[in-house]
Amino acid sequence: MSKKKHKCISCGYVYDPEVGDPISGIPAGTSFEELPEGWICPLCGVNKVLFFEISE
C-alpha cells in the first residue's frame, strides 16, 4: 500500500491514506491508487485525475 498523500490542484484538499475519506465512506488505510475510479474530491468535486502526489 502506498502511504503517499495526494493534493487536489483545484482546491488544495489533501488525501491522506492514513485517514481515508470518511465523508465518502473510504476507510483509513486505503491508498490513493485503491480509490474507486468514480471517487471525487470531497471539497470541490473534481475527479481524482486532478490530484498530484506530494512528499512530506
Protein backbone atom coordinates (compact mmCIF):
# COMPACT_ATOMS: atom_id res chain seq x y z
CA MET A 1 0.00 0.00 0.00
CA SER A 2 1.25 3.44 -0.89
CA LYS A 3 1.26 5.85 2.05
CA LYS A 4 1.81 8.87 -0.21
CA LYS A 5 -0.53 11.82 0.07
CA HIS A 6 -2.15 13.43 -2.94
CA LYS A 7 -3.30 17.04 -3.32
CA CYS A 8 -6.18 18.44 -5.38
CA ILE A 9 -4.97 21.02 -7.89
CA SER A 10 -8.34 22.74 -7.77
CA CYS A 11 -8.92 23.38 -4.05
CA GLY A 12 -5.85 22.10 -2.19
CA TYR A 13 -7.58 19.22 -0.38
CA VAL A 14 -5.02 16.60 0.67
CA TYR A 15 -5.99 12.93 0.53
CA ASP A 16 -4.14 11.13 3.34
CA PRO A 17 -4.36 7.32 3.12
CA GLU A 18 -3.88 7.05 6.89
CA VAL A 19 -7.15 8.98 7.33
CA GLY A 20 -9.08 7.88 4.24
CA ASP A 21 -12.14 9.91 3.25
CA PRO A 22 -14.84 9.44 5.90
CA ILE A 23 -17.15 11.85 4.05
CA SER A 24 -17.23 9.46 1.07
CA GLY A 25 -17.09 6.26 3.13
CA ILE A 26 -13.45 5.47 2.25
CA PRO A 27 -11.84 3.75 5.26
CA ALA A 28 -8.46 4.64 6.73
CA GLY A 29 -5.68 2.59 5.16
CA THR A 30 -6.98 3.00 1.58
CA SER A 31 -4.18 4.11 -0.74
CA PHE A 32 -4.89 6.73 -3.38
CA GLU A 33 -4.39 4.08 -6.07
CA GLU A 34 -7.11 1.93 -4.46
CA LEU A 35 -9.74 4.68 -4.60
CA PRO A 36 -12.60 3.87 -6.98
CA GLU A 37 -12.42 5.48 -10.43
CA GLY A 38 -15.56 7.45 -9.65
CA TRP A 39 -14.15 8.96 -6.45
CA ILE A 40 -14.23 12.76 -6.40
CA CYS A 41 -12.69 15.40 -4.18
CA PRO A 42 -14.97 15.75 -1.14
CA LEU A 43 -14.47 19.53 -1.09
CA CYS A 44 -14.74 20.66 -4.71
CA GLY A 45 -15.96 17.60 -6.64
CA VAL A 46 -13.18 17.21 -9.22
CA ASN A 47 -12.10 13.77 -10.44
CA LYS A 48 -9.07 12.02 -8.94
CA VAL A 49 -7.08 12.62 -12.13
CA LEU A 50 -6.71 16.23 -10.97
CA PHE A 51 -4.68 15.18 -7.91
CA PHE A 52 -0.90 15.09 -7.73
CA GLU A 53 1.43 13.23 -5.38
CA ILE A 54 3.06 15.28 -2.65
CA SER A 55 6.01 14.48 -0.43
CA GLU A 56 6.05 15.07 3.29
